[in-house]
Amino acid sequence: MSTSRSNRVRAAIGTVSLTGAAMGFLSACGVAGEEEQEAERVYCVDEQDQVVDEEQCEEAERNGGFIGGVPYFFLLGGFGGNRYAVGQTIPQQYTGAATRVNPADTTARSRAGLPGSGRVTSGTRISGGIGSGRVGSGSVGS
């Protein structure tokens, strides 16, 4: 076998090995998984799960999570890949598995992958995956 041919074979084997290792890593981390992809949006909602302007959550942050006695939340979940606009109500089939975060709870916000304070734009993808600290669902910091 010539030197040129053996170098090409080694290069091909190396490429296949690296590709296989990368695919295994991504699969193990859940990056390519559909469920992981879905659990990445955040919306500012009222107590009826109606999407409201993010200014509502920003104001609620300054007032312990409430405006005029009405609670506001960041709702984090997959939402079936759907995007919702201000005024739309997120269906219960998605809200039951979603995480609610009190906008005034800086610790809960950080644990959920949100900035500790300030505006969070509805519909934004939040960070997830390795080291994000996002595990499971339910209420956080309510």
N, C-alpha and C. Protein backbone atom coordinates (compact mmCIF):
# COMPACT_ATOMS: atom_id res chain seq x y z
N MET A 1 0.86 -1.17 0.00
CA MET A 1 0.00 0.00 0.00
C MET A 1 0.90 1.23 0.00
N SER A 2 0.57 2.21 -0.82
CA SER A 2 1.40 3.40 -0.91
C SER A 2 1.18 4.30 0.30
N THR A 3 2.15 5.19 0.53
CA THR A 3 2.07 6.11 1.67
C THR A 3 0.88 7.05 1.51
N SER A 4 0.64 7.54 0.30
CA SER A 4 -0.47 8.45 0.05
C SER A 4 -1.81 7.79 0.37
N ARG A 5 -1.97 6.54 -0.07
CA ARG A 5 -3.22 5.83 0.17
C ARG A 5 -3.42 5.55 1.67
N SER A 6 -2.37 5.14 2.37
CA SER A 6 -2.51 4.85 3.80
C SER A 6 -2.82 6.12 4.59
N ASN A 7 -2.30 7.26 4.17
CA ASN A 7 -2.64 8.54 4.83
C ASN A 7 -4.10 8.89 4.63
N ARG A 8 -4.62 8.62 3.42
CA ARG A 8 -6.04 8.89 3.16
C ARG A 8 -6.92 7.98 4.00
N VAL A 9 -6.54 6.73 4.14
CA VAL A 9 -7.31 5.78 4.94
C VAL A 9 -7.32 6.22 6.40
N ARG A 10 -6.15 6.60 6.93
CA ARG A 10 -6.07 7.08 8.31
C ARG A 10 -6.93 8.32 8.52
N ALA A 11 -6.90 9.24 7.57
CA ALA A 11 -7.70 10.46 7.68
C ALA A 11 -9.19 10.14 7.67
N ALA A 12 -9.60 9.22 6.82
CA ALA A 12 -11.01 8.82 6.76
C ALA A 12 -11.45 8.16 8.06
N ILE A 13 -10.61 7.28 8.59
CA ILE A 13 -10.93 6.62 9.86
C ILE A 13 -11.01 7.64 10.99
N GLY A 14 -10.08 8.58 11.01
CA GLY A 14 -10.10 9.63 12.04
C GLY A 14 -11.36 10.48 11.96
N THR A 15 -11.79 10.83 10.77
CA THR A 15 -13.00 11.63 10.59
C THR A 15 -14.23 10.87 11.06
N VAL A 16 -14.32 9.60 10.69
CA VAL A 16 -15.45 8.77 11.11
C VAL A 16 -15.46 8.64 12.64
N SER A 17 -14.30 8.43 13.24
CA SER A 17 -14.22 8.30 14.70
C SER A 17 -14.66 9.58 15.40
N LEU A 18 -14.19 10.73 14.93
CA LEU A 18 -14.57 12.00 15.55
C LEU A 18 -16.06 12.27 15.37
N THR A 19 -16.60 11.98 14.19
CA THR A 19 -18.02 12.19 13.95
C THR A 19 -18.85 11.31 14.88
N GLY A 20 -18.45 10.05 15.01
CA GLY A 20 -19.16 9.14 15.91
C GLY A 20 -19.11 9.60 17.36
N ALA A 21 -17.95 10.07 17.79
CA ALA A 21 -17.81 10.55 19.16
C ALA A 21 -18.68 11.78 19.39
N ALA A 22 -18.72 12.68 18.43
CA ALA A 22 -19.54 13.89 18.57
C ALA A 22 -21.02 13.54 18.63
N MET A 23 -21.46 12.61 17.80
CA MET A 23 -22.87 12.20 17.80
C MET A 23 -23.23 11.56 19.14
N GLY A 24 -22.35 10.73 19.67
CA GLY A 24 -22.59 10.10 20.96
C GLY A 24 -22.68 11.13 22.07
N PHE A 25 -21.81 12.11 22.03
CA PHE A 25 -21.82 13.17 23.04
C PHE A 25 -23.12 13.96 22.98
N LEU A 26 -23.55 14.34 21.79
CA LEU A 26 -24.77 15.12 21.64
C LEU A 26 -25.98 14.32 22.08
N SER A 27 -26.02 13.04 21.75
CA SER A 27 -27.14 12.20 22.16
C SER A 27 -27.18 12.04 23.67
N ALA A 28 -26.04 11.84 24.29
CA ALA A 28 -25.98 11.67 25.74
C ALA A 28 -26.39 12.92 26.48
N CYS A 29 -26.10 14.07 25.91
CA CYS A 29 -26.44 15.33 26.55
C CYS A 29 -27.88 15.76 26.28
N GLY A 30 -28.56 15.08 25.38
CA GLY A 30 -29.93 15.43 25.08
C GLY A 30 -30.06 16.62 24.15
N VAL A 31 -28.97 17.10 23.59
CA VAL A 31 -29.02 18.26 22.72
C VAL A 31 -29.88 18.01 21.50
N ALA A 32 -29.79 16.82 20.95
CA ALA A 32 -30.54 16.52 19.74
C ALA A 32 -31.95 16.05 20.05
N GLY A 33 -32.29 15.85 21.32
CA GLY A 33 -33.59 15.34 21.70
C GLY A 33 -34.70 16.35 21.52
N GLU A 34 -35.86 15.89 21.08
CA GLU A 34 -37.00 16.76 20.84
C GLU A 34 -37.50 17.42 22.12
N GLU A 35 -37.56 16.66 23.23
CA GLU A 35 -38.06 17.22 24.48
C GLU A 35 -37.19 18.37 24.96
N GLU A 36 -35.87 18.22 24.84
CA GLU A 36 -34.96 19.28 25.27
C GLU A 36 -35.18 20.54 24.43
N GLN A 37 -35.40 20.34 23.12
CA GLN A 37 -35.62 21.48 22.24
C GLN A 37 -36.88 22.23 22.63
N GLU A 38 -37.93 21.51 23.07
CA GLU A 38 -39.19 22.16 23.39
C GLU A 38 -39.16 22.93 24.69
N ALA A 39 -38.37 22.54 25.65
CA ALA A 39 -38.40 23.14 26.99
C ALA A 39 -37.52 24.37 27.08
N GLU A 40 -37.70 25.30 26.14
CA GLU A 40 -36.78 26.41 26.09
C GLU A 40 -37.38 27.80 25.85
N ARG A 41 -38.66 28.00 26.03
CA ARG A 41 -39.23 29.33 25.81
C ARG A 41 -39.77 29.88 27.11
N VAL A 42 -39.81 31.20 27.18
CA VAL A 42 -40.34 31.87 28.36
C VAL A 42 -41.36 32.93 27.92
N TYR A 43 -42.45 33.02 28.69
CA TYR A 43 -43.48 34.02 28.42
C TYR A 43 -43.85 34.70 29.74
N CYS A 44 -44.19 35.97 29.67
CA CYS A 44 -44.75 36.69 30.81
C CYS A 44 -46.26 36.51 30.72
N VAL A 45 -46.85 35.92 31.77
CA VAL A 45 -48.28 35.62 31.75
C VAL A 45 -48.95 36.11 33.03
N ASP A 46 -50.28 36.28 32.94
CA ASP A 46 -51.08 36.60 34.12
C ASP A 46 -51.58 35.30 34.74
N GLU A 47 -52.45 35.40 35.74
CA GLU A 47 -52.91 34.20 36.44
C GLU A 47 -53.78 33.28 35.58
N GLN A 48 -54.31 33.76 34.45
CA GLN A 48 -55.08 32.92 33.52
C GLN A 48 -54.21 32.39 32.38
N ASP A 49 -52.90 32.52 32.49
CA ASP A 49 -51.94 32.07 31.48
C ASP A 49 -52.10 32.80 30.15
N GLN A 50 -52.59 34.02 30.22
CA GLN A 50 -52.66 34.86 29.03
C GLN A 50 -51.34 35.62 28.92
N VAL A 51 -50.74 35.60 27.74
CA VAL A 51 -49.48 36.30 27.53
C VAL A 51 -49.74 37.80 27.62
N VAL A 52 -48.93 38.46 28.44
CA VAL A 52 -49.03 39.91 28.61
C VAL A 52 -47.70 40.54 28.21
N ASP A 53 -47.72 41.84 28.04
CA ASP A 53 -46.50 42.56 27.69
C ASP A 53 -45.45 42.34 28.77
N GLU A 54 -44.22 42.16 28.36
CA GLU A 54 -43.15 41.88 29.32
C GLU A 54 -42.96 43.00 30.36
N GLU A 55 -43.48 44.19 30.05
CA GLU A 55 -43.42 45.27 31.03
C GLU A 55 -44.21 44.92 32.30
N GLN A 56 -45.25 44.07 32.15
CA GLN A 56 -46.03 43.63 33.31
C GLN A 56 -45.14 42.85 34.28
N CYS A 57 -44.35 41.93 33.77
CA CYS A 57 -43.45 41.15 34.64
C CYS A 57 -42.36 42.04 35.21
N GLU A 58 -41.94 43.01 34.43
CA GLU A 58 -40.92 43.95 34.92
C GLU A 58 -41.47 44.77 36.09
N GLU A 59 -42.72 45.22 35.97
CA GLU A 59 -43.36 45.95 37.07
C GLU A 59 -43.63 45.02 38.25
N ALA A 60 -44.08 43.79 37.96
CA ALA A 60 -44.33 42.82 39.03
C ALA A 60 -43.05 42.49 39.79
N GLU A 61 -41.93 42.51 39.09
CA GLU A 61 -40.63 42.27 39.74
C GLU A 61 -40.40 43.30 40.85
N ARG A 62 -40.78 44.53 40.60
CA ARG A 62 -40.60 45.61 41.59
C ARG A 62 -41.64 45.56 42.70
N ASN A 63 -42.72 44.76 42.51
CA ASN A 63 -43.82 44.74 43.47
C ASN A 63 -44.10 43.34 44.02
N GLY A 64 -43.07 42.54 44.21
CA GLY A 64 -43.22 41.23 44.82
C GLY A 64 -43.94 40.20 43.97
N GLY A 65 -44.05 40.43 42.66
CA GLY A 65 -44.71 39.47 41.77
C GLY A 65 -46.15 39.84 41.44
N PHE A 66 -46.63 40.94 42.00
CA PHE A 66 -48.04 41.33 41.83
C PHE A 66 -48.14 42.74 41.28
N ILE A 67 -49.26 42.99 40.58
CA ILE A 67 -49.65 44.35 40.19
C ILE A 67 -51.11 44.48 40.54
N GLY A 68 -51.42 45.37 41.46
CA GLY A 68 -52.81 45.55 41.88
C GLY A 68 -53.43 44.28 42.44
N GLY A 69 -52.64 43.47 43.13
CA GLY A 69 -53.14 42.23 43.71
C GLY A 69 -53.21 41.05 42.75
N VAL A 70 -52.88 41.27 41.47
CA VAL A 70 -52.92 40.21 40.47
C VAL A 70 -51.50 39.68 40.27
N PRO A 71 -51.32 38.33 40.40
CA PRO A 71 -49.98 37.78 40.21
C PRO A 71 -49.59 37.66 38.73
N TYR A 72 -48.32 37.88 38.47
CA TYR A 72 -47.75 37.70 37.14
C TYR A 72 -46.58 36.74 37.27
N PHE A 73 -46.32 35.96 36.21
CA PHE A 73 -45.29 34.93 36.25
C PHE A 73 -44.51 34.92 34.96
N PHE A 74 -43.31 34.36 35.05
CA PHE A 74 -42.62 33.90 33.87
C PHE A 74 -43.02 32.44 33.75
N LEU A 75 -43.50 32.04 32.59
CA LEU A 75 -43.90 30.67 32.34
C LEU A 75 -42.87 30.08 31.38
N LEU A 76 -42.19 29.01 31.81
CA LEU A 76 -41.13 28.38 31.03
C LEU A 76 -41.56 26.99 30.63
N GLY A 77 -41.45 26.68 29.34
CA GLY A 77 -41.83 25.35 28.88
C GLY A 77 -41.63 25.17 27.40
N GLY A 78 -42.12 24.04 26.90
CA GLY A 78 -41.96 23.71 25.49
C GLY A 78 -43.04 24.28 24.60
N PHE A 79 -44.28 24.27 25.07
CA PHE A 79 -45.40 24.86 24.35
C PHE A 79 -45.61 24.26 22.98
N GLY A 80 -45.19 23.00 22.80
CA GLY A 80 -45.43 22.29 21.55
C GLY A 80 -44.79 22.93 20.33
N GLY A 81 -43.78 23.75 20.54
CA GLY A 81 -43.13 24.42 19.43
C GLY A 81 -43.90 25.64 18.95
N ASN A 82 -45.04 25.95 19.59
CA ASN A 82 -45.85 27.11 19.19
C ASN A 82 -45.29 28.39 19.80
N ARG A 83 -45.53 29.50 19.11
CA ARG A 83 -45.17 30.82 19.64
C ARG A 83 -46.46 31.57 19.92
N TYR A 84 -46.50 32.30 21.03
CA TYR A 84 -47.70 33.02 21.44
C TYR A 84 -47.42 34.51 21.51
N ALA A 85 -48.44 35.28 21.13
CA ALA A 85 -48.33 36.74 21.14
C ALA A 85 -49.12 37.30 22.32
N VAL A 86 -48.86 38.55 22.64
CA VAL A 86 -49.59 39.24 23.70
C VAL A 86 -51.08 39.12 23.42
N GLY A 87 -51.84 38.73 24.46
CA GLY A 87 -53.28 38.58 24.34
C GLY A 87 -53.73 37.14 24.13
N GLN A 88 -52.82 36.27 23.68
CA GLN A 88 -53.17 34.87 23.50
C GLN A 88 -53.02 34.11 24.82
N THR A 89 -53.90 33.14 25.02
CA THR A 89 -53.83 32.30 26.21
C THR A 89 -53.11 31.01 25.83
N ILE A 90 -52.13 30.64 26.63
CA ILE A 90 -51.39 29.41 26.38
C ILE A 90 -52.26 28.24 26.83
N PRO A 91 -52.49 27.25 25.97
CA PRO A 91 -53.37 26.13 26.31
C PRO A 91 -52.89 25.35 27.54
N GLN A 92 -53.85 24.86 28.28
CA GLN A 92 -53.58 24.13 29.52
C GLN A 92 -52.71 22.89 29.29
N GLN A 93 -52.81 22.30 28.11
CA GLN A 93 -51.99 21.11 27.84
C GLN A 93 -50.50 21.43 27.95
N TYR A 94 -50.11 22.71 27.78
CA TYR A 94 -48.71 23.10 27.90
C TYR A 94 -48.40 23.71 29.26
N THR A 95 -49.37 24.40 29.84
CA THR A 95 -49.09 25.08 31.10
C THR A 95 -48.97 24.11 32.27
N GLY A 96 -49.62 22.95 32.19
CA GLY A 96 -49.54 21.97 33.26
C GLY A 96 -48.13 21.45 33.49
N ALA A 97 -47.35 21.36 32.43
CA ALA A 97 -45.98 20.85 32.53
C ALA A 97 -44.95 21.98 32.59
N ALA A 98 -45.41 23.23 32.52
CA ALA A 98 -44.50 24.37 32.50
C ALA A 98 -44.07 24.75 33.91
N THR A 99 -43.02 25.52 34.01
CA THR A 99 -42.51 26.03 35.28
C THR A 99 -42.91 27.48 35.41
N ARG A 100 -43.44 27.84 36.58
CA ARG A 100 -43.80 29.23 36.87
C ARG A 100 -42.73 29.84 37.76
N VAL A 101 -42.30 31.03 37.41
CA VAL A 101 -41.28 31.71 38.19
C VAL A 101 -41.81 33.10 38.55
N ASN A 102 -41.75 33.41 39.83
CA ASN A 102 -42.12 34.73 40.31
C ASN A 102 -41.07 35.72 39.81
N PRO A 103 -41.48 36.78 39.10
CA PRO A 103 -40.50 37.73 38.56
C PRO A 103 -39.66 38.42 39.64
N ALA A 104 -40.15 38.47 40.88
CA ALA A 104 -39.43 39.14 41.95
C ALA A 104 -38.42 38.23 42.65
N ASP A 105 -38.44 36.94 42.36
CA ASP A 105 -37.55 35.97 43.02
C ASP A 105 -36.27 35.81 42.19
N THR A 106 -35.24 36.57 42.55
CA THR A 106 -33.99 36.57 41.77
C THR A 106 -33.31 35.21 41.77
N THR A 107 -33.37 34.49 42.87
CA THR A 107 -32.75 33.17 42.95
C THR A 107 -33.45 32.19 42.01
N ALA A 108 -34.79 32.18 42.05
CA ALA A 108 -35.56 31.28 41.18
C ALA A 108 -35.34 31.63 39.72
N ARG A 109 -35.25 32.91 39.42
CA ARG A 109 -35.00 33.33 38.04
C ARG A 109 -33.68 32.77 37.54
N SER A 110 -32.65 32.92 38.36
CA SER A 110 -31.32 32.44 37.97
C SER A 110 -31.30 30.93 37.81
N ARG A 111 -31.94 30.20 38.73
CA ARG A 111 -32.00 28.73 38.64
C ARG A 111 -32.70 28.29 37.36
N ALA A 112 -33.66 29.07 36.90
CA ALA A 112 -34.43 28.72 35.70
C ALA A 112 -33.73 29.14 34.41
N GLY A 113 -32.56 29.77 34.52
CA GLY A 113 -31.83 30.17 33.33
C GLY A 113 -32.18 31.56 32.84
N LEU A 114 -32.89 32.34 33.68
CA LEU A 114 -33.26 33.71 33.35
C LEU A 114 -32.29 34.67 34.02
N PRO A 115 -32.19 35.91 33.51
CA PRO A 115 -31.38 36.89 34.23
C PRO A 115 -31.99 37.14 35.61
N GLY A 116 -31.17 37.44 36.60
CA GLY A 116 -31.65 37.65 37.96
C GLY A 116 -32.59 38.82 38.12
N SER A 117 -32.53 39.77 37.21
CA SER A 117 -33.44 40.92 37.27
C SER A 117 -33.56 41.53 35.87
N GLY A 118 -34.54 42.42 35.74
CA GLY A 118 -34.72 43.12 34.47
C GLY A 118 -35.69 42.43 33.53
N ARG A 119 -35.85 43.03 32.38
CA ARG A 119 -36.83 42.57 31.39
C ARG A 119 -36.39 41.28 30.72
N VAL A 120 -37.38 40.41 30.54
CA VAL A 120 -37.21 39.18 29.78
C VAL A 120 -38.27 39.22 28.68
N THR A 121 -37.86 39.18 27.45
CA THR A 121 -38.79 39.27 26.33
C THR A 121 -39.54 37.97 26.15
N SER A 122 -40.88 38.06 26.10
CA SER A 122 -41.72 36.88 25.90
C SER A 122 -41.38 36.21 24.58
N GLY A 123 -41.37 34.87 24.61
CA GLY A 123 -41.06 34.08 23.43
C GLY A 123 -39.58 33.79 23.28
N THR A 124 -38.77 34.38 24.15
CA THR A 124 -37.33 34.19 24.09
C THR A 124 -36.95 32.76 24.43
N ARG A 125 -36.00 32.22 23.71
CA ARG A 125 -35.44 30.92 24.06
C ARG A 125 -34.49 31.14 25.23
N ILE A 126 -34.61 30.26 26.22
CA ILE A 126 -33.71 30.35 27.35
C ILE A 126 -32.64 29.30 27.21
N SER A 127 -31.52 29.51 27.92
CA SER A 127 -30.43 28.54 27.82
C SER A 127 -30.83 27.27 28.54
N GLY A 128 -30.37 26.16 28.01
CA GLY A 128 -30.63 24.87 28.61
C GLY A 128 -29.47 23.96 28.31
N GLY A 129 -29.58 22.71 28.71
CA GLY A 129 -28.54 21.74 28.40
C GLY A 129 -27.54 21.60 29.51
N ILE A 130 -26.30 21.36 29.17
CA ILE A 130 -25.26 21.03 30.14
C ILE A 130 -25.06 22.18 31.12
N GLY A 131 -25.18 21.87 32.41
CA GLY A 131 -24.87 22.84 33.45
C GLY A 131 -25.88 23.95 33.62
N SER A 132 -27.05 23.85 33.00
CA SER A 132 -28.01 24.95 33.11
C SER A 132 -28.73 24.94 34.44
N GLY A 133 -28.78 23.78 35.10
CA GLY A 133 -29.49 23.70 36.37
C GLY A 133 -30.98 23.53 36.19
N ARG A 134 -31.49 23.46 34.98
CA ARG A 134 -32.92 23.29 34.74
C ARG A 134 -33.26 21.81 34.81
N VAL A 135 -34.00 21.44 35.84
CA VAL A 135 -34.37 20.06 36.00
C VAL A 135 -35.86 20.01 36.30
N GLY A 136 -36.61 19.19 35.56
CA GLY A 136 -38.01 18.96 35.87
C GLY A 136 -38.88 20.17 35.61
N SER A 137 -40.09 20.13 36.21
CA SER A 137 -41.04 21.22 36.03
C SER A 137 -41.74 21.47 37.34
N GLY A 138 -42.62 22.44 37.34
CA GLY A 138 -43.36 22.80 38.54
C GLY A 138 -43.16 24.26 38.84
N SER A 139 -43.61 24.67 40.02
CA SER A 139 -43.48 26.08 40.41
C SER A 139 -42.12 26.32 41.02
N VAL A 140 -41.53 27.43 40.65
CA VAL A 140 -40.26 27.84 41.21
C VAL A 140 -40.42 29.23 41.78
N GLY A 141 -40.16 29.38 43.06
CA GLY A 141 -40.14 30.71 43.66
C GLY A 141 -41.45 31.44 43.63
N SER A 142 -42.58 30.77 43.80
CA SER A 142 -43.86 31.47 43.73
C SER A 142 -44.24 32.14 45.01
